[in-house]
């Protein structure tokens, strides 16, 4: 599942660029608002993965 979440994070970065983490946080908030703790935790993890990926040095 961890690799699946990483793929989602990478897809969001590819699609939304600098806004990817914001998108993930908004989705997490939507699930938190409807008390869906499983999806909320998933999107919180995706937001953290995006932050980690964005902090890694880029080759080139």
PDB file of N, CA and C in Angstrom:
ATOM      1  N   UNK A   1       0.820  -1.199   0.000  1.00  0.00           N
ATOM      2  CA  UNK A   1       0.000   0.000   0.000  1.00  0.00           C
ATOM      3  C   UNK A   1       0.862   1.260   0.000  1.00  0.00           C
ATOM      4  N   UNK A   2       1.998   1.204   0.693  1.00  0.00           N
ATOM      5  CA  UNK A   2       2.886   2.366   0.770  1.00  0.00           C
ATOM      6  C   UNK A   2       3.339   2.799  -0.626  1.00  0.00           C
ATOM      7  N   UNK A   3       3.670   1.827  -1.471  1.00  0.00           N
ATOM      8  CA  UNK A   3       4.100   2.155  -2.838  1.00  0.00           C
ATOM      9  C   UNK A   3       2.949   2.752  -3.636  1.00  0.00           C
ATOM     10  N   UNK A   4       1.740   2.273  -3.409  1.00  0.00           N
ATOM     11  CA  UNK A   4       0.569   2.828  -4.072  1.00  0.00           C
ATOM     12  C   UNK A   4       0.375   4.296  -3.679  1.00  0.00           C
ATOM     13  N   UNK A   5       0.551   4.607  -2.396  1.00  0.00           N
ATOM     14  CA  UNK A   5       0.419   5.993  -1.940  1.00  0.00           C
ATOM     15  C   UNK A   5       1.506   6.865  -2.555  1.00  0.00           C
ATOM     16  N   UNK A   6       2.704   6.311  -2.681  1.00  0.00           N
ATOM     17  CA  UNK A   6       3.802   7.057  -3.310  1.00  0.00           C
ATOM     18  C   UNK A   6       3.478   7.355  -4.781  1.00  0.00           C
ATOM     19  N   UNK A   7       2.890   6.392  -5.465  1.00  0.00           N
ATOM     20  CA  UNK A   7       2.497   6.609  -6.866  1.00  0.00           C
ATOM     21  C   UNK A   7       1.432   7.704  -6.970  1.00  0.00           C
ATOM     22  N   UNK A   8       0.495   7.721  -6.039  1.00  0.00           N
ATOM     23  CA  UNK A   8      -0.519   8.776  -6.022  1.00  0.00           C
ATOM     24  C   UNK A   8       0.156  10.125  -5.799  1.00  0.00           C
ATOM     25  N   UNK A   9       1.103  10.176  -4.862  1.00  0.00           N
ATOM     26  CA  UNK A   9       1.824  11.423  -4.586  1.00  0.00           C
ATOM     27  C   UNK A   9       2.560  11.915  -5.831  1.00  0.00           C
ATOM     28  N   UNK A  10       3.239  11.016  -6.512  1.00  0.00           N
ATOM     29  CA  UNK A  10       3.978  11.384  -7.725  1.00  0.00           C
ATOM     30  C   UNK A  10       3.020  11.860  -8.812  1.00  0.00           C
ATOM     31  N   UNK A  11       1.887  11.200  -8.945  1.00  0.00           N
ATOM     32  CA  UNK A  11       0.888  11.619  -9.935  1.00  0.00           C
ATOM     33  C   UNK A  11       0.373  13.022  -9.640  1.00  0.00           C
ATOM     34  N   UNK A  12       0.127  13.303  -8.367  1.00  0.00           N
ATOM     35  CA  UNK A  12      -0.342  14.645  -8.000  1.00  0.00           C
ATOM     36  C   UNK A  12       0.720  15.700  -8.289  1.00  0.00           C
ATOM     37  N   UNK A  13       1.977  15.391  -7.995  1.00  0.00           N
ATOM     38  CA  UNK A  13       3.066  16.329  -8.288  1.00  0.00           C
ATOM     39  C   UNK A  13       3.148  16.576  -9.786  1.00  0.00           C
ATOM     40  N   UNK A  14       3.034  15.511 -10.566  1.00  0.00           N
ATOM     41  CA  UNK A  14       3.081  15.641 -12.024  1.00  0.00           C
ATOM     42  C   UNK A  14       1.933  16.501 -12.534  1.00  0.00           C
ATOM     43  N   UNK A  15       0.756  16.295 -11.983  1.00  0.00           N
ATOM     44  CA  UNK A  15      -0.427  17.004 -12.461  1.00  0.00           C
ATOM     45  C   UNK A  15      -0.525  18.428 -11.927  1.00  0.00           C
ATOM     46  N   UNK A  16      -0.211  18.627 -10.639  1.00  0.00           N
ATOM     47  CA  UNK A  16      -0.465  19.919  -9.998  1.00  0.00           C
ATOM     48  C   UNK A  16       0.786  20.703  -9.622  1.00  0.00           C
ATOM     49  N   UNK A  17       1.957  20.113  -9.770  1.00  0.00           N
ATOM     50  CA  UNK A  17       3.195  20.816  -9.450  1.00  0.00           C
ATOM     51  C   UNK A  17       3.243  21.262  -7.999  1.00  0.00           C
ATOM     52  N   UNK A  18       3.537  22.546  -7.793  1.00  0.00           N
ATOM     53  CA  UNK A  18       3.676  23.093  -6.447  1.00  0.00           C
ATOM     54  C   UNK A  18       2.391  23.036  -5.632  1.00  0.00           C
ATOM     55  N   UNK A  19       1.271  22.863  -6.284  1.00  0.00           N
ATOM     56  CA  UNK A  19      -0.017  22.817  -5.579  1.00  0.00           C
ATOM     57  C   UNK A  19      -0.410  21.402  -5.136  1.00  0.00           C
ATOM     58  N   UNK A  20       0.410  20.414  -5.438  1.00  0.00           N
ATOM     59  CA  UNK A  20       0.065  19.019  -5.137  1.00  0.00           C
ATOM     60  C   UNK A  20      -0.196  18.785  -3.654  1.00  0.00           C
ATOM     61  N   UNK A  21       0.647  19.345  -2.803  1.00  0.00           N
ATOM     62  CA  UNK A  21       0.455  19.131  -1.369  1.00  0.00           C
ATOM     63  C   UNK A  21      -0.844  19.780  -0.895  1.00  0.00           C
ATOM     64  N   UNK A  22      -1.158  20.942  -1.427  1.00  0.00           N
ATOM     65  CA  UNK A  22      -2.413  21.608  -1.075  1.00  0.00           C
ATOM     66  C   UNK A  22      -3.604  20.753  -1.484  1.00  0.00           C
ATOM     67  N   UNK A  23      -3.550  20.182  -2.676  1.00  0.00           N
ATOM     68  CA  UNK A  23      -4.632  19.315  -3.147  1.00  0.00           C
ATOM     69  C   UNK A  23      -4.799  18.124  -2.205  1.00  0.00           C
ATOM     70  N   UNK A  24      -3.696  17.492  -1.829  1.00  0.00           N
ATOM     71  CA  UNK A  24      -3.763  16.339  -0.926  1.00  0.00           C
ATOM     72  C   UNK A  24      -4.322  16.746   0.437  1.00  0.00           C
ATOM     73  N   UNK A  25      -3.923  17.904   0.933  1.00  0.00           N
ATOM     74  CA  UNK A  25      -4.426  18.371   2.225  1.00  0.00           C
ATOM     75  C   UNK A  25      -5.918  18.683   2.161  1.00  0.00           C
ATOM     76  N   UNK A  26      -6.370  19.222   1.041  1.00  0.00           N
ATOM     77  CA  UNK A  26      -7.802  19.481   0.875  1.00  0.00           C
ATOM     78  C   UNK A  26      -8.596  18.179   0.860  1.00  0.00           C
ATOM     79  N   UNK A  27      -8.074  17.185   0.184  1.00  0.00           N
ATOM     80  CA  UNK A  27      -8.756  15.880   0.172  1.00  0.00           C
ATOM     81  C   UNK A  27      -8.788  15.273   1.571  1.00  0.00           C
ATOM     82  N   UNK A  28      -7.687  15.393   2.293  1.00  0.00           N
ATOM     83  CA  UNK A  28      -7.657  14.892   3.675  1.00  0.00           C
ATOM     84  C   UNK A  28      -8.714  15.599   4.518  1.00  0.00           C
ATOM     85  N   UNK A  29      -8.827  16.899   4.348  1.00  0.00           N
ATOM     86  CA  UNK A  29      -9.812  17.672   5.112  1.00  0.00           C
ATOM     87  C   UNK A  29     -11.237  17.265   4.762  1.00  0.00           C
ATOM     88  N   UNK A  30     -11.483  16.983   3.486  1.00  0.00           N
ATOM     89  CA  UNK A  30     -12.819  16.539   3.071  1.00  0.00           C
ATOM     90  C   UNK A  30     -13.194  15.231   3.772  1.00  0.00           C
ATOM     91  N   UNK A  31     -12.252  14.293   3.826  1.00  0.00           N
ATOM     92  CA  UNK A  31     -12.537  13.016   4.479  1.00  0.00           C
ATOM     93  C   UNK A  31     -12.646  13.174   5.992  1.00  0.00           C
ATOM     94  N   UNK A  32     -11.855  14.058   6.561  1.00  0.00           N
ATOM     95  CA  UNK A  32     -11.962  14.307   8.003  1.00  0.00           C
ATOM     96  C   UNK A  32     -13.331  14.889   8.342  1.00  0.00           C
ATOM     97  N   UNK A  33     -13.827  15.766   7.476  1.00  0.00           N
ATOM     98  CA  UNK A  33     -15.120  16.412   7.717  1.00  0.00           C
ATOM     99  C   UNK A  33     -16.277  15.417   7.724  1.00  0.00           C
ATOM    100  N   UNK A  34     -16.140  14.350   6.942  1.00  0.00           N
ATOM    101  CA  UNK A  34     -17.216  13.346   6.919  1.00  0.00           C
ATOM    102  C   UNK A  34     -16.886  12.145   7.813  1.00  0.00           C
ATOM    103  N   UNK A  35     -15.855  12.322   8.640  1.00  0.00           N
ATOM    104  CA  UNK A  35     -15.458  11.325   9.641  1.00  0.00           C
ATOM    105  C   UNK A  35     -15.026   9.986   9.041  1.00  0.00           C
ATOM    106  N   UNK A  36     -14.425  10.050   7.852  1.00  0.00           N
ATOM    107  CA  UNK A  36     -13.882   8.845   7.218  1.00  0.00           C
ATOM    108  C   UNK A  36     -12.393   8.777   7.579  1.00  0.00           C
ATOM    109  N   UNK A  37     -12.099   8.163   8.714  1.00  0.00           N
ATOM    110  CA  UNK A  37     -10.737   8.185   9.242  1.00  0.00           C
ATOM    111  C   UNK A  37      -9.744   7.400   8.385  1.00  0.00           C
ATOM    112  N   UNK A  38     -10.197   6.371   7.699  1.00  0.00           N
ATOM    113  CA  UNK A  38      -9.292   5.581   6.856  1.00  0.00           C
ATOM    114  C   UNK A  38      -8.790   6.424   5.683  1.00  0.00           C
ATOM    115  N   UNK A  39      -9.710   7.052   4.962  1.00  0.00           N
ATOM    116  CA  UNK A  39      -9.313   7.891   3.821  1.00  0.00           C
ATOM    117  C   UNK A  39      -8.580   9.144   4.284  1.00  0.00           C
ATOM    118  N   UNK A  40      -8.994   9.693   5.424  1.00  0.00           N
ATOM    119  CA  UNK A  40      -8.306  10.865   5.972  1.00  0.00           C
ATOM    120  C   UNK A  40      -6.835  10.537   6.224  1.00  0.00           C
ATOM    121  N   UNK A  41      -6.575   9.410   6.875  1.00  0.00           N
ATOM    122  CA  UNK A  41      -5.197   9.011   7.171  1.00  0.00           C
ATOM    123  C   UNK A  41      -4.406   8.771   5.889  1.00  0.00           C
ATOM    124  N   UNK A  42      -5.052   8.176   4.899  1.00  0.00           N
ATOM    125  CA  UNK A  42      -4.408   7.919   3.607  1.00  0.00           C
ATOM    126  C   UNK A  42      -3.955   9.230   2.968  1.00  0.00           C
ATOM    127  N   UNK A  43      -4.825  10.226   2.936  1.00  0.00           N
ATOM    128  CA  UNK A  43      -4.487  11.492   2.294  1.00  0.00           C
ATOM    129  C   UNK A  43      -3.511  12.328   3.115  1.00  0.00           C
ATOM    130  N   UNK A  44      -3.532  12.167   4.432  1.00  0.00           N
ATOM    131  CA  UNK A  44      -2.504  12.805   5.267  1.00  0.00           C
ATOM    132  C   UNK A  44      -1.135  12.226   4.914  1.00  0.00           C
ATOM    133  N   UNK A  45      -1.067  10.919   4.761  1.00  0.00           N
ATOM    134  CA  UNK A  45       0.180  10.250   4.391  1.00  0.00           C
ATOM    135  C   UNK A  45       0.642  10.699   3.006  1.00  0.00           C
ATOM    136  N   UNK A  46      -0.276  10.830   2.072  1.00  0.00           N
ATOM    137  CA  UNK A  46       0.077  11.303   0.727  1.00  0.00           C
ATOM    138  C   UNK A  46       0.642  12.716   0.798  1.00  0.00           C
ATOM    139  N   UNK A  47       0.037  13.584   1.594  1.00  0.00           N
ATOM    140  CA  UNK A  47       0.540  14.953   1.747  1.00  0.00           C
ATOM    141  C   UNK A  47       1.964  14.944   2.303  1.00  0.00           C
ATOM    142  N   UNK A  48       2.233  14.078   3.270  1.00  0.00           N
ATOM    143  CA  UNK A  48       3.584  13.968   3.827  1.00  0.00           C
ATOM    144  C   UNK A  48       4.570  13.418   2.801  1.00  0.00           C
ATOM    145  N   UNK A  49       4.131  12.455   2.010  1.00  0.00           N
ATOM    146  CA  UNK A  49       4.993  11.917   0.957  1.00  0.00           C
ATOM    147  C   UNK A  49       5.345  12.991  -0.068  1.00  0.00           C
ATOM    148  N   UNK A  50       4.378  13.813  -0.432  1.00  0.00           N
ATOM    149  CA  UNK A  50       4.629  14.903  -1.381  1.00  0.00           C
ATOM    150  C   UNK A  50       5.675  15.850  -0.811  1.00  0.00           C
ATOM    151  N   UNK A  51       5.536  16.191   0.461  1.00  0.00           N
ATOM    152  CA  UNK A  51       6.514  17.071   1.105  1.00  0.00           C
ATOM    153  C   UNK A  51       7.907  16.446   1.073  1.00  0.00           C
ATOM    154  N   UNK A  52       7.994  15.168   1.388  1.00  0.00           N
ATOM    155  CA  UNK A  52       9.277  14.465   1.380  1.00  0.00           C
ATOM    156  C   UNK A  52       9.881  14.432  -0.019  1.00  0.00           C
ATOM    157  N   UNK A  53       9.079  14.101  -1.001  1.00  0.00           N
ATOM    158  CA  UNK A  53       9.560  14.048  -2.387  1.00  0.00           C
ATOM    159  C   UNK A  53      10.044  15.422  -2.831  1.00  0.00           C
ATOM    160  N   UNK A  54       9.305  16.461  -2.499  1.00  0.00           N
ATOM    161  CA  UNK A  54       9.682  17.817  -2.906  1.00  0.00           C
ATOM    162  C   UNK A  54      10.958  18.299  -2.232  1.00  0.00           C
ATOM    163  N   UNK A  55      11.298  17.752  -1.074  1.00  0.00           N
ATOM    164  CA  UNK A  55      12.507  18.166  -0.361  1.00  0.00           C
ATOM    165  C   UNK A  55      13.749  17.426  -0.829  1.00  0.00           C
ATOM    166  N   UNK A  56      13.569  16.352  -1.588  1.00  0.00           N
ATOM    167  CA  UNK A  56      14.714  15.584  -2.066  1.00  0.00           C
ATOM    168  C   UNK A  56      15.438  16.367  -3.155  1.00  0.00           C
ATOM    169  N   UNK A  57      16.781  16.283  -3.166  1.00  0.00           N
ATOM    170  CA  UNK A  57      17.520  16.969  -4.236  1.00  0.00           C
ATOM    171  C   UNK A  57      17.187  16.365  -5.599  1.00  0.00           C
ATOM    172  N   UNK A  58      17.146  17.223  -6.592  1.00  0.00           N
ATOM    173  CA  UNK A  58      16.825  16.785  -7.955  1.00  0.00           C
ATOM    174  C   UNK A  58      18.101  16.683  -8.777  1.00  0.00           C
ATOM    175  N   UNK A  59      18.195  15.648  -9.568  1.00  0.00           N
ATOM    176  CA  UNK A  59      19.335  15.510 -10.477  1.00  0.00           C
ATOM    177  C   UNK A  59      19.138  16.439 -11.665  1.00  0.00           C
ATOM    178  N   UNK A  60      20.238  16.912 -12.205  1.00  0.00           N
ATOM    179  CA  UNK A  60      20.102  17.681 -13.414  1.00  0.00           C
ATOM    180  C   UNK A  60      20.859  18.911 -13.352  1.00  0.00           C
TER     181      UNK A  60
END
